[in-house]
mmCIF file of all heavy atoms, coordinates in Angstrom:
data_MODEL
# 
_entry.id   MODEL 
# 
loop_
_atom_site.group_PDB 
_atom_site.id 
_atom_site.type_symbol 
_atom_site.label_atom_id 
_atom_site.label_alt_id 
_atom_site.label_comp_id 
_atom_site.label_asym_id 
_atom_site.label_entity_id 
_atom_site.label_seq_id 
_atom_site.pdbx_PDB_ins_code 
_atom_site.Cartn_x 
_atom_site.Cartn_y 
_atom_site.Cartn_z 
_atom_site.occupancy 
_atom_site.B_iso_or_equiv 
_atom_site.pdbx_formal_charge 
_atom_site.auth_seq_id 
_atom_site.auth_comp_id 
_atom_site.auth_asym_id 
_atom_site.auth_atom_id 
_atom_site.pdbx_PDB_model_num 
ATOM 1   N N   . GLU A 1 1  ? 35.395 -64.442 12.712 1.00 0.00 ? 1  GLU A N   1 
ATOM 2   C CA  . GLU A 1 1  ? 36.386 -64.089 13.761 1.00 0.00 ? 1  GLU A CA  1 
ATOM 3   C C   . GLU A 1 1  ? 36.030 -62.799 14.405 1.00 0.00 ? 1  GLU A C   1 
ATOM 4   O O   . GLU A 1 1  ? 36.145 -62.625 15.592 1.00 0.00 ? 1  GLU A O   1 
ATOM 5   C CB  . GLU A 1 1  ? 37.815 -64.071 13.224 1.00 0.00 ? 1  GLU A CB  1 
ATOM 6   C CG  . GLU A 1 1  ? 38.453 -65.476 12.883 1.00 0.00 ? 1  GLU A CG  1 
ATOM 7   C CD  . GLU A 1 1  ? 39.686 -65.317 12.165 1.00 0.00 ? 1  GLU A CD  1 
ATOM 8   O OE1 . GLU A 1 1  ? 39.860 -64.397 11.341 1.00 0.00 ? 1  GLU A OE1 1 
ATOM 9   O OE2 . GLU A 1 1  ? 40.631 -66.095 12.436 1.00 0.00 ? 1  GLU A OE2 1 
ATOM 10  N N   . LEU A 1 2  ? 35.823 -61.823 13.593 1.00 0.00 ? 2  LEU A N   1 
ATOM 11  C CA  . LEU A 1 2  ? 35.421 -60.467 14.039 1.00 0.00 ? 2  LEU A CA  1 
ATOM 12  C C   . LEU A 1 2  ? 34.263 -60.505 14.988 1.00 0.00 ? 2  LEU A C   1 
ATOM 13  O O   . LEU A 1 2  ? 34.274 -59.949 16.101 1.00 0.00 ? 2  LEU A O   1 
ATOM 14  C CB  . LEU A 1 2  ? 35.098 -59.487 12.904 1.00 0.00 ? 2  LEU A CB  1 
ATOM 15  C CG  . LEU A 1 2  ? 34.678 -58.126 13.232 1.00 0.00 ? 2  LEU A CG  1 
ATOM 16  C CD1 . LEU A 1 2  ? 35.711 -57.340 14.065 1.00 0.00 ? 2  LEU A CD1 1 
ATOM 17  C CD2 . LEU A 1 2  ? 34.286 -57.370 11.933 1.00 0.00 ? 2  LEU A CD2 1 
ATOM 18  N N   . ARG A 1 3  ? 33.228 -61.236 14.567 1.00 0.00 ? 3  ARG A N   1 
ATOM 19  C CA  . ARG A 1 3  ? 32.002 -61.338 15.514 1.00 0.00 ? 3  ARG A CA  1 
ATOM 20  C C   . ARG A 1 3  ? 32.382 -62.031 16.786 1.00 0.00 ? 3  ARG A C   1 
ATOM 21  O O   . ARG A 1 3  ? 31.824 -61.703 17.843 1.00 0.00 ? 3  ARG A O   1 
ATOM 22  C CB  . ARG A 1 3  ? 30.940 -62.058 14.674 1.00 0.00 ? 3  ARG A CB  1 
ATOM 23  C CG  . ARG A 1 3  ? 30.311 -61.149 13.565 1.00 0.00 ? 3  ARG A CG  1 
ATOM 24  C CD  . ARG A 1 3  ? 29.261 -61.939 12.726 1.00 0.00 ? 3  ARG A CD  1 
ATOM 25  N NE  . ARG A 1 3  ? 28.100 -62.206 13.561 1.00 0.00 ? 3  ARG A NE  1 
ATOM 26  C CZ  . ARG A 1 3  ? 27.062 -61.325 13.846 1.00 0.00 ? 3  ARG A CZ  1 
ATOM 27  N NH1 . ARG A 1 3  ? 27.156 -60.168 13.285 1.00 0.00 ? 3  ARG A NH1 1 
ATOM 28  N NH2 . ARG A 1 3  ? 26.082 -61.701 14.585 1.00 0.00 ? 3  ARG A NH2 1 
ATOM 29  N N   . ASN A 1 4  ? 33.228 -63.100 16.716 1.00 0.00 ? 4  ASN A N   1 
ATOM 30  C CA  . ASN A 1 4  ? 33.563 -63.781 17.958 1.00 0.00 ? 4  ASN A CA  1 
ATOM 31  C C   . ASN A 1 4  ? 34.349 -62.939 18.896 1.00 0.00 ? 4  ASN A C   1 
ATOM 32  O O   . ASN A 1 4  ? 34.169 -62.876 20.153 1.00 0.00 ? 4  ASN A O   1 
ATOM 33  C CB  . ASN A 1 4  ? 34.370 -65.055 17.581 1.00 0.00 ? 4  ASN A CB  1 
ATOM 34  C CG  . ASN A 1 4  ? 33.547 -66.164 16.988 1.00 0.00 ? 4  ASN A CG  1 
ATOM 35  O OD1 . ASN A 1 4  ? 32.315 -66.176 17.166 1.00 0.00 ? 4  ASN A OD1 1 
ATOM 36  N ND2 . ASN A 1 4  ? 34.124 -67.061 16.298 1.00 0.00 ? 4  ASN A ND2 1 
ATOM 37  N N   . ARG A 1 5  ? 35.343 -62.197 18.337 1.00 0.00 ? 5  ARG A N   1 
ATOM 38  C CA  . ARG A 1 5  ? 36.169 -61.271 19.131 1.00 0.00 ? 5  ARG A CA  1 
ATOM 39  C C   . ARG A 1 5  ? 35.329 -60.141 19.754 1.00 0.00 ? 5  ARG A C   1 
ATOM 40  O O   . ARG A 1 5  ? 35.530 -59.804 20.919 1.00 0.00 ? 5  ARG A O   1 
ATOM 41  C CB  . ARG A 1 5  ? 37.313 -60.621 18.279 1.00 0.00 ? 5  ARG A CB  1 
ATOM 42  C CG  . ARG A 1 5  ? 38.437 -61.520 17.857 1.00 0.00 ? 5  ARG A CG  1 
ATOM 43  C CD  . ARG A 1 5  ? 39.450 -61.726 18.962 1.00 0.00 ? 5  ARG A CD  1 
ATOM 44  N NE  . ARG A 1 5  ? 40.206 -60.560 19.236 1.00 0.00 ? 5  ARG A NE  1 
ATOM 45  C CZ  . ARG A 1 5  ? 41.305 -60.028 18.548 1.00 0.00 ? 5  ARG A CZ  1 
ATOM 46  N NH1 . ARG A 1 5  ? 41.667 -60.715 17.433 1.00 0.00 ? 5  ARG A NH1 1 
ATOM 47  N NH2 . ARG A 1 5  ? 41.877 -58.938 18.881 1.00 0.00 ? 5  ARG A NH2 1 
ATOM 48  N N   . TRP A 1 6  ? 34.316 -59.686 18.989 1.00 0.00 ? 6  TRP A N   1 
ATOM 49  C CA  . TRP A 1 6  ? 33.468 -58.660 19.432 1.00 0.00 ? 6  TRP A CA  1 
ATOM 50  C C   . TRP A 1 6  ? 32.640 -59.140 20.689 1.00 0.00 ? 6  TRP A C   1 
ATOM 51  O O   . TRP A 1 6  ? 32.511 -58.453 21.690 1.00 0.00 ? 6  TRP A O   1 
ATOM 52  C CB  . TRP A 1 6  ? 32.533 -58.185 18.345 1.00 0.00 ? 6  TRP A CB  1 
ATOM 53  C CG  . TRP A 1 6  ? 31.791 -56.900 18.578 1.00 0.00 ? 6  TRP A CG  1 
ATOM 54  C CD1 . TRP A 1 6  ? 32.189 -55.706 18.136 1.00 0.00 ? 6  TRP A CD1 1 
ATOM 55  C CD2 . TRP A 1 6  ? 30.563 -56.732 19.228 1.00 0.00 ? 6  TRP A CD2 1 
ATOM 56  N NE1 . TRP A 1 6  ? 31.218 -54.772 18.426 1.00 0.00 ? 6  TRP A NE1 1 
ATOM 57  C CE2 . TRP A 1 6  ? 30.239 -55.381 19.183 1.00 0.00 ? 6  TRP A CE2 1 
ATOM 58  C CE3 . TRP A 1 6  ? 29.705 -57.585 19.894 1.00 0.00 ? 6  TRP A CE3 1 
ATOM 59  C CZ2 . TRP A 1 6  ? 29.083 -54.838 19.757 1.00 0.00 ? 6  TRP A CZ2 1 
ATOM 60  C CZ3 . TRP A 1 6  ? 28.581 -57.124 20.412 1.00 0.00 ? 6  TRP A CZ3 1 
ATOM 61  C CH2 . TRP A 1 6  ? 28.207 -55.707 20.398 1.00 0.00 ? 6  TRP A CH2 1 
ATOM 62  N N   . ALA A 1 7  ? 32.152 -60.321 20.519 1.00 0.00 ? 7  ALA A N   1 
ATOM 63  C CA  . ALA A 1 7  ? 31.342 -61.015 21.549 1.00 0.00 ? 7  ALA A CA  1 
ATOM 64  C C   . ALA A 1 7  ? 32.080 -61.159 22.834 1.00 0.00 ? 7  ALA A C   1 
ATOM 65  O O   . ALA A 1 7  ? 31.611 -60.910 23.944 1.00 0.00 ? 7  ALA A O   1 
ATOM 66  C CB  . ALA A 1 7  ? 30.814 -62.355 21.073 1.00 0.00 ? 7  ALA A CB  1 
ATOM 67  N N   . GLN A 1 8  ? 33.398 -61.605 22.682 1.00 0.00 ? 8  GLN A N   1 
ATOM 68  C CA  . GLN A 1 8  ? 34.329 -61.722 23.890 1.00 0.00 ? 8  GLN A CA  1 
ATOM 69  C C   . GLN A 1 8  ? 34.600 -60.429 24.586 1.00 0.00 ? 8  GLN A C   1 
ATOM 70  O O   . GLN A 1 8  ? 34.451 -60.333 25.771 1.00 0.00 ? 8  GLN A O   1 
ATOM 71  C CB  . GLN A 1 8  ? 35.632 -62.340 23.418 1.00 0.00 ? 8  GLN A CB  1 
ATOM 72  C CG  . GLN A 1 8  ? 35.567 -63.816 23.107 1.00 0.00 ? 8  GLN A CG  1 
ATOM 73  C CD  . GLN A 1 8  ? 36.923 -64.346 22.521 1.00 0.00 ? 8  GLN A CD  1 
ATOM 74  O OE1 . GLN A 1 8  ? 37.763 -63.534 22.094 1.00 0.00 ? 8  GLN A OE1 1 
ATOM 75  N NE2 . GLN A 1 8  ? 37.125 -65.575 22.523 1.00 0.00 ? 8  GLN A NE2 1 
ATOM 76  N N   . ALA A 1 9  ? 34.835 -59.399 23.747 1.00 0.00 ? 9  ALA A N   1 
ATOM 77  C CA  . ALA A 1 9  ? 35.161 -58.011 24.325 1.00 0.00 ? 9  ALA A CA  1 
ATOM 78  C C   . ALA A 1 9  ? 33.977 -57.405 24.992 1.00 0.00 ? 9  ALA A C   1 
ATOM 79  O O   . ALA A 1 9  ? 34.107 -56.841 26.018 1.00 0.00 ? 9  ALA A O   1 
ATOM 80  C CB  . ALA A 1 9  ? 35.697 -57.184 23.165 1.00 0.00 ? 9  ALA A CB  1 
ATOM 81  N N   . TRP A 1 10 ? 32.830 -57.519 24.373 1.00 0.00 ? 10 TRP A N   1 
ATOM 82  C CA  . TRP A 1 10 ? 31.648 -56.841 24.899 1.00 0.00 ? 10 TRP A CA  1 
ATOM 83  C C   . TRP A 1 10 ? 30.782 -57.639 25.830 1.00 0.00 ? 10 TRP A C   1 
ATOM 84  O O   . TRP A 1 10 ? 29.946 -57.193 26.565 1.00 0.00 ? 10 TRP A O   1 
ATOM 85  C CB  . TRP A 1 10 ? 30.793 -56.299 23.815 1.00 0.00 ? 10 TRP A CB  1 
ATOM 86  C CG  . TRP A 1 10 ? 31.362 -55.093 23.144 1.00 0.00 ? 10 TRP A CG  1 
ATOM 87  C CD1 . TRP A 1 10 ? 32.227 -55.125 22.024 1.00 0.00 ? 10 TRP A CD1 1 
ATOM 88  C CD2 . TRP A 1 10 ? 31.240 -53.755 23.524 1.00 0.00 ? 10 TRP A CD2 1 
ATOM 89  N NE1 . TRP A 1 10 ? 32.651 -53.857 21.688 1.00 0.00 ? 10 TRP A NE1 1 
ATOM 90  C CE2 . TRP A 1 10 ? 31.988 -52.963 22.585 1.00 0.00 ? 10 TRP A CE2 1 
ATOM 91  C CE3 . TRP A 1 10 ? 30.574 -53.075 24.467 1.00 0.00 ? 10 TRP A CE3 1 
ATOM 92  C CZ2 . TRP A 1 10 ? 32.088 -51.552 22.619 1.00 0.00 ? 10 TRP A CZ2 1 
ATOM 93  C CZ3 . TRP A 1 10 ? 30.668 -51.637 24.553 1.00 0.00 ? 10 TRP A CZ3 1 
ATOM 94  C CH2 . TRP A 1 10 ? 31.419 -50.955 23.634 1.00 0.00 ? 10 TRP A CH2 1 
ATOM 95  N N   . GLY A 1 11 ? 31.045 -58.975 25.803 1.00 0.00 ? 11 GLY A N   1 
ATOM 96  C CA  . GLY A 1 11 ? 30.227 -59.911 26.678 1.00 0.00 ? 11 GLY A CA  1 
ATOM 97  C C   . GLY A 1 11 ? 28.821 -60.096 26.208 1.00 0.00 ? 11 GLY A C   1 
ATOM 98  O O   . GLY A 1 11 ? 27.954 -60.435 27.011 1.00 0.00 ? 11 GLY A O   1 
ATOM 99  N N   . LEU A 1 12 ? 28.579 -59.839 24.898 1.00 0.00 ? 12 LEU A N   1 
ATOM 100 C CA  . LEU A 1 12 ? 27.279 -60.156 24.357 1.00 0.00 ? 12 LEU A CA  1 
ATOM 101 C C   . LEU A 1 12 ? 27.476 -60.339 22.891 1.00 0.00 ? 12 LEU A C   1 
ATOM 102 O O   . LEU A 1 12 ? 28.467 -59.962 22.283 1.00 0.00 ? 12 LEU A O   1 
ATOM 103 C CB  . LEU A 1 12 ? 26.329 -58.989 24.592 1.00 0.00 ? 12 LEU A CB  1 
ATOM 104 C CG  . LEU A 1 12 ? 26.694 -57.616 24.313 1.00 0.00 ? 12 LEU A CG  1 
ATOM 105 C CD1 . LEU A 1 12 ? 25.915 -57.014 23.124 1.00 0.00 ? 12 LEU A CD1 1 
ATOM 106 C CD2 . LEU A 1 12 ? 26.390 -56.682 25.531 1.00 0.00 ? 12 LEU A CD2 1 
ATOM 107 N N   . LYS A 1 13 ? 26.464 -61.074 22.228 1.00 0.00 ? 13 LYS A N   1 
ATOM 108 C CA  . LYS A 1 13 ? 26.584 -61.341 20.845 1.00 0.00 ? 13 LYS A CA  1 
ATOM 109 C C   . LYS A 1 13 ? 26.172 -60.099 20.010 1.00 0.00 ? 13 LYS A C   1 
ATOM 110 O O   . LYS A 1 13 ? 25.163 -59.437 20.306 1.00 0.00 ? 13 LYS A O   1 
ATOM 111 C CB  . LYS A 1 13 ? 25.588 -62.485 20.457 1.00 0.00 ? 13 LYS A CB  1 
ATOM 112 C CG  . LYS A 1 13 ? 26.092 -63.926 20.671 1.00 0.00 ? 13 LYS A CG  1 
ATOM 113 C CD  . LYS A 1 13 ? 25.329 -64.893 19.837 1.00 0.00 ? 13 LYS A CD  1 
ATOM 114 C CE  . LYS A 1 13 ? 25.883 -66.230 19.828 1.00 0.00 ? 13 LYS A CE  1 
ATOM 115 N NZ  . LYS A 1 13 ? 27.329 -66.396 19.539 1.00 0.00 ? 13 LYS A NZ  1 
ATOM 116 N N   . PRO A 1 14 ? 26.955 -59.847 18.949 1.00 0.00 ? 14 PRO A N   1 
ATOM 117 C CA  . PRO A 1 14 ? 26.580 -58.667 18.086 1.00 0.00 ? 14 PRO A CA  1 
ATOM 118 C C   . PRO A 1 14 ? 25.278 -59.021 17.363 1.00 0.00 ? 14 PRO A C   1 
ATOM 119 O O   . PRO A 1 14 ? 25.105 -60.111 16.890 1.00 0.00 ? 14 PRO A O   1 
ATOM 120 C CB  . PRO A 1 14 ? 27.718 -58.510 17.215 1.00 0.00 ? 14 PRO A CB  1 
ATOM 121 C CG  . PRO A 1 14 ? 28.438 -59.838 17.154 1.00 0.00 ? 14 PRO A CG  1 
ATOM 122 C CD  . PRO A 1 14 ? 28.122 -60.483 18.484 1.00 0.00 ? 14 PRO A CD  1 
ATOM 123 N N   . HIS A 1 15 ? 24.453 -58.008 17.127 1.00 0.00 ? 15 HIS A N   1 
ATOM 124 C CA  . HIS A 1 15 ? 23.257 -58.168 16.350 1.00 0.00 ? 15 HIS A CA  1 
ATOM 125 C C   . HIS A 1 15 ? 23.572 -58.537 14.880 1.00 0.00 ? 15 HIS A C   1 
ATOM 126 O O   . HIS A 1 15 ? 24.606 -58.076 14.330 1.00 0.00 ? 15 HIS A O   1 
ATOM 127 C CB  . HIS A 1 15 ? 22.422 -56.864 16.307 1.00 0.00 ? 15 HIS A CB  1 
ATOM 128 C CG  . HIS A 1 15 ? 21.081 -57.004 15.731 1.00 0.00 ? 15 HIS A CG  1 
ATOM 129 N ND1 . HIS A 1 15 ? 20.836 -57.059 14.409 1.00 0.00 ? 15 HIS A ND1 1 
ATOM 130 C CD2 . HIS A 1 15 ? 19.884 -57.109 16.455 1.00 0.00 ? 15 HIS A CD2 1 
ATOM 131 C CE1 . HIS A 1 15 ? 19.520 -57.198 14.215 1.00 0.00 ? 15 HIS A CE1 1 
ATOM 132 N NE2 . HIS A 1 15 ? 18.915 -57.220 15.388 1.00 0.00 ? 15 HIS A NE2 1 
ATOM 133 N N   . LYS A 1 16 ? 22.899 -59.451 14.388 1.00 0.00 ? 16 LYS A N   1 
ATOM 134 C CA  . LYS A 1 16 ? 23.298 -59.944 13.010 1.00 0.00 ? 16 LYS A CA  1 
ATOM 135 C C   . LYS A 1 16 ? 23.289 -58.950 11.923 1.00 0.00 ? 16 LYS A C   1 
ATOM 136 O O   . LYS A 1 16 ? 23.914 -59.130 10.874 1.00 0.00 ? 16 LYS A O   1 
ATOM 137 C CB  . LYS A 1 16 ? 22.440 -61.270 12.674 1.00 0.00 ? 16 LYS A CB  1 
ATOM 138 C CG  . LYS A 1 16 ? 20.991 -60.910 12.375 1.00 0.00 ? 16 LYS A CG  1 
ATOM 139 C CD  . LYS A 1 16 ? 20.311 -62.177 12.015 1.00 0.00 ? 16 LYS A CD  1 
ATOM 140 C CE  . LYS A 1 16 ? 18.767 -61.935 11.813 1.00 0.00 ? 16 LYS A CE  1 
ATOM 141 N NZ  . LYS A 1 16 ? 18.051 -63.176 11.651 1.00 0.00 ? 16 LYS A NZ  1 
ATOM 142 N N   . TYR A 1 17 ? 22.681 -57.868 12.104 1.00 0.00 ? 17 TYR A N   1 
ATOM 143 C CA  . TYR A 1 17 ? 22.599 -56.820 11.107 1.00 0.00 ? 17 TYR A CA  1 
ATOM 144 C C   . TYR A 1 17 ? 23.624 -55.694 11.323 1.00 0.00 ? 17 TYR A C   1 
ATOM 145 O O   . TYR A 1 17 ? 23.626 -54.715 10.498 1.00 0.00 ? 17 TYR A O   1 
ATOM 146 C CB  . TYR A 1 17 ? 21.211 -56.249 10.897 1.00 0.00 ? 17 TYR A CB  1 
ATOM 147 C CG  . TYR A 1 17 ? 20.269 -57.301 10.400 1.00 0.00 ? 17 TYR A CG  1 
ATOM 148 C CD1 . TYR A 1 17 ? 19.085 -57.629 11.116 1.00 0.00 ? 17 TYR A CD1 1 
ATOM 149 C CD2 . TYR A 1 17 ? 20.504 -57.926 9.120  1.00 0.00 ? 17 TYR A CD2 1 
ATOM 150 C CE1 . TYR A 1 17 ? 18.210 -58.587 10.656 1.00 0.00 ? 17 TYR A CE1 1 
ATOM 151 C CE2 . TYR A 1 17 ? 19.586 -58.930 8.756  1.00 0.00 ? 17 TYR A CE2 1 
ATOM 152 C CZ  . TYR A 1 17 ? 18.499 -59.259 9.481  1.00 0.00 ? 17 TYR A CZ  1 
ATOM 153 O OH  . TYR A 1 17 ? 17.596 -60.192 9.006  1.00 0.00 ? 17 TYR A OH  1 
ATOM 154 N N   . ILE A 1 18 ? 24.374 -55.700 12.309 1.00 0.00 ? 18 ILE A N   1 
ATOM 155 C CA  . ILE A 1 18 ? 25.456 -54.650 12.504 1.00 0.00 ? 18 ILE A CA  1 
ATOM 156 C C   . ILE A 1 18 ? 26.466 -54.859 11.343 1.00 0.00 ? 18 ILE A C   1 
ATOM 157 O O   . ILE A 1 18 ? 27.010 -55.918 11.085 1.00 0.00 ? 18 ILE A O   1 
ATOM 158 C CB  . ILE A 1 18 ? 26.161 -54.866 13.865 1.00 0.00 ? 18 ILE A CB  1 
ATOM 159 C CG1 . ILE A 1 18 ? 25.191 -54.595 15.074 1.00 0.00 ? 18 ILE A CG1 1 
ATOM 160 C CG2 . ILE A 1 18 ? 27.354 -53.791 13.979 1.00 0.00 ? 18 ILE A CG2 1 
ATOM 161 C CD1 . ILE A 1 18 ? 25.897 -54.655 16.366 1.00 0.00 ? 18 ILE A CD1 1 
ATOM 162 N N   . ARG A 1 19 ? 26.782 -53.794 10.695 1.00 0.00 ? 19 ARG A N   1 
ATOM 163 C CA  . ARG A 1 19 ? 27.752 -53.788 9.603  1.00 0.00 ? 19 ARG A CA  1 
ATOM 164 C C   . ARG A 1 19 ? 29.163 -53.965 10.103 1.00 0.00 ? 19 ARG A C   1 
ATOM 165 O O   . ARG A 1 19 ? 29.497 -53.581 11.172 1.00 0.00 ? 19 ARG A O   1 
ATOM 166 C CB  . ARG A 1 19 ? 27.668 -52.460 8.850  1.00 0.00 ? 19 ARG A CB  1 
ATOM 167 C CG  . ARG A 1 19 ? 26.337 -52.271 8.122  1.00 0.00 ? 19 ARG A CG  1 
ATOM 168 C CD  . ARG A 1 19 ? 26.477 -51.139 7.102  1.00 0.00 ? 19 ARG A CD  1 
ATOM 169 N NE  . ARG A 1 19 ? 25.182 -51.143 6.306  1.00 0.00 ? 19 ARG A NE  1 
ATOM 170 C CZ  . ARG A 1 19 ? 24.884 -50.221 5.572  1.00 0.00 ? 19 ARG A CZ  1 
ATOM 171 N NH1 . ARG A 1 19 ? 25.587 -49.091 5.434  1.00 0.00 ? 19 ARG A NH1 1 
ATOM 172 N NH2 . ARG A 1 19 ? 23.724 -50.215 4.908  1.00 0.00 ? 19 ARG A NH2 1 
ATOM 173 N N   . ARG A 1 20 ? 29.945 -54.633 9.182  1.00 0.00 ? 20 ARG A N   1 
ATOM 174 C CA  . ARG A 1 20 ? 31.283 -54.911 9.494  1.00 0.00 ? 20 ARG A CA  1 
ATOM 175 C C   . ARG A 1 20 ? 32.065 -53.674 9.994  1.00 0.00 ? 20 ARG A C   1 
ATOM 176 O O   . ARG A 1 20 ? 32.849 -53.714 10.988 1.00 0.00 ? 20 ARG A O   1 
ATOM 177 C CB  . ARG A 1 20 ? 32.030 -55.460 8.298  1.00 0.00 ? 20 ARG A CB  1 
ATOM 178 C CG  . ARG A 1 20 ? 33.504 -55.746 8.577  1.00 0.00 ? 20 ARG A CG  1 
ATOM 179 C CD  . ARG A 1 20 ? 34.162 -56.527 7.607  1.00 0.00 ? 20 ARG A CD  1 
ATOM 180 N NE  . ARG A 1 20 ? 35.566 -56.686 8.237  1.00 0.00 ? 20 ARG A NE  1 
ATOM 181 C CZ  . ARG A 1 20 ? 36.103 -57.905 8.492  1.00 0.00 ? 20 ARG A CZ  1 
ATOM 182 N NH1 . ARG A 1 20 ? 35.437 -58.977 8.244  1.00 0.00 ? 20 ARG A NH1 1 
ATOM 183 N NH2 . ARG A 1 20 ? 37.270 -57.951 9.108  1.00 0.00 ? 20 ARG A NH2 1 
ATOM 184 N N   . ASN A 1 21 ? 31.879 -52.509 9.318  1.00 0.00 ? 21 ASN A N   1 
ATOM 185 C CA  . ASN A 1 21 ? 32.553 -51.299 9.700  1.00 0.00 ? 21 ASN A CA  1 
ATOM 186 C C   . ASN A 1 21 ? 32.285 -50.893 11.051 1.00 0.00 ? 21 ASN A C   1 
ATOM 187 O O   . ASN A 1 21 ? 33.157 -50.479 11.942 1.00 0.00 ? 21 ASN A O   1 
ATOM 188 C CB  . ASN A 1 21 ? 32.175 -50.177 8.723  1.00 0.00 ? 21 ASN A CB  1 
ATOM 189 C CG  . ASN A 1 21 ? 32.900 -48.879 8.871  1.00 0.00 ? 21 ASN A CG  1 
ATOM 190 O OD1 . ASN A 1 21 ? 34.079 -48.936 9.129  1.00 0.00 ? 21 ASN A OD1 1 
ATOM 191 N ND2 . ASN A 1 21 ? 32.247 -47.820 8.788  1.00 0.00 ? 21 ASN A ND2 1 
ATOM 192 N N   . MET A 1 22 ? 31.047 -51.050 11.521 1.00 0.00 ? 22 MET A N   1 
ATOM 193 C CA  . MET A 1 22 ? 30.659 -50.709 12.902 1.00 0.00 ? 22 MET A CA  1 
ATOM 194 C C   . MET A 1 22 ? 31.265 -51.647 13.879 1.00 0.00 ? 22 MET A C   1 
ATOM 195 O O   . MET A 1 22 ? 31.653 -51.299 14.973 1.00 0.00 ? 22 MET A O   1 
ATOM 196 C CB  . MET A 1 22 ? 29.047 -50.649 13.026 1.00 0.00 ? 22 MET A CB  1 
ATOM 197 C CG  . MET A 1 22 ? 28.589 -49.937 14.200 1.00 0.00 ? 22 MET A CG  1 
ATOM 198 S SD  . MET A 1 22 ? 29.032 -48.214 14.168 1.00 0.00 ? 22 MET A SD  1 
ATOM 199 C CE  . MET A 1 22 ? 29.365 -47.953 15.957 1.00 0.00 ? 22 MET A CE  1 
ATOM 200 N N   . LEU A 1 23 ? 31.225 -52.901 13.580 1.00 0.00 ? 23 LEU A N   1 
ATOM 201 C CA  . LEU A 1 23 ? 31.815 -53.987 14.418 1.00 0.00 ? 23 LEU A CA  1 
ATOM 202 C C   . LEU A 1 23 ? 33.320 -53.682 14.625 1.00 0.00 ? 23 LEU A C   1 
ATOM 203 O O   . LEU A 1 23 ? 33.837 -53.709 15.750 1.00 0.00 ? 23 LEU A O   1 
ATOM 204 C CB  . LEU A 1 23 ? 31.695 -55.372 13.865 1.00 0.00 ? 23 LEU A CB  1 
ATOM 205 C CG  . LEU A 1 23 ? 30.295 -56.002 13.905 1.00 0.00 ? 23 LEU A CG  1 
ATOM 206 C CD1 . LEU A 1 23 ? 30.261 -57.226 13.055 1.00 0.00 ? 23 LEU A CD1 1 
ATOM 207 C CD2 . LEU A 1 23 ? 29.870 -56.325 15.320 1.00 0.00 ? 23 LEU A CD2 1 
ATOM 208 N N   . GLU A 1 24 ? 34.006 -53.300 13.581 1.00 0.00 ? 24 GLU A N   1 
ATOM 209 C CA  . GLU A 1 24 ? 35.471 -53.003 13.608 1.00 0.00 ? 24 GLU A CA  1 
ATOM 210 C C   . GLU A 1 24 ? 35.708 -51.834 14.520 1.00 0.00 ? 24 GLU A C   1 
ATOM 211 O O   . GLU A 1 24 ? 36.571 -51.821 15.378 1.00 0.00 ? 24 GLU A O   1 
ATOM 212 C CB  . GLU A 1 24 ? 36.046 -52.670 12.262 1.00 0.00 ? 24 GLU A CB  1 
ATOM 213 C CG  . GLU A 1 24 ? 36.144 -53.908 11.352 1.00 0.00 ? 24 GLU A CG  1 
ATOM 214 C CD  . GLU A 1 24 ? 36.705 -53.620 9.889  1.00 0.00 ? 24 GLU A CD  1 
ATOM 215 O OE1 . GLU A 1 24 ? 37.040 -52.500 9.627  1.00 0.00 ? 24 GLU A OE1 1 
ATOM 216 O OE2 . GLU A 1 24 ? 36.793 -54.593 9.145  1.00 0.00 ? 24 GLU A OE2 1 
# 
């Protein structure tokens, strides 16, 4: 869910190695 919300907010897919803390 976090990765999906991030992608919606930023308009791009997060890199698969970005840590959860940085995504948050």
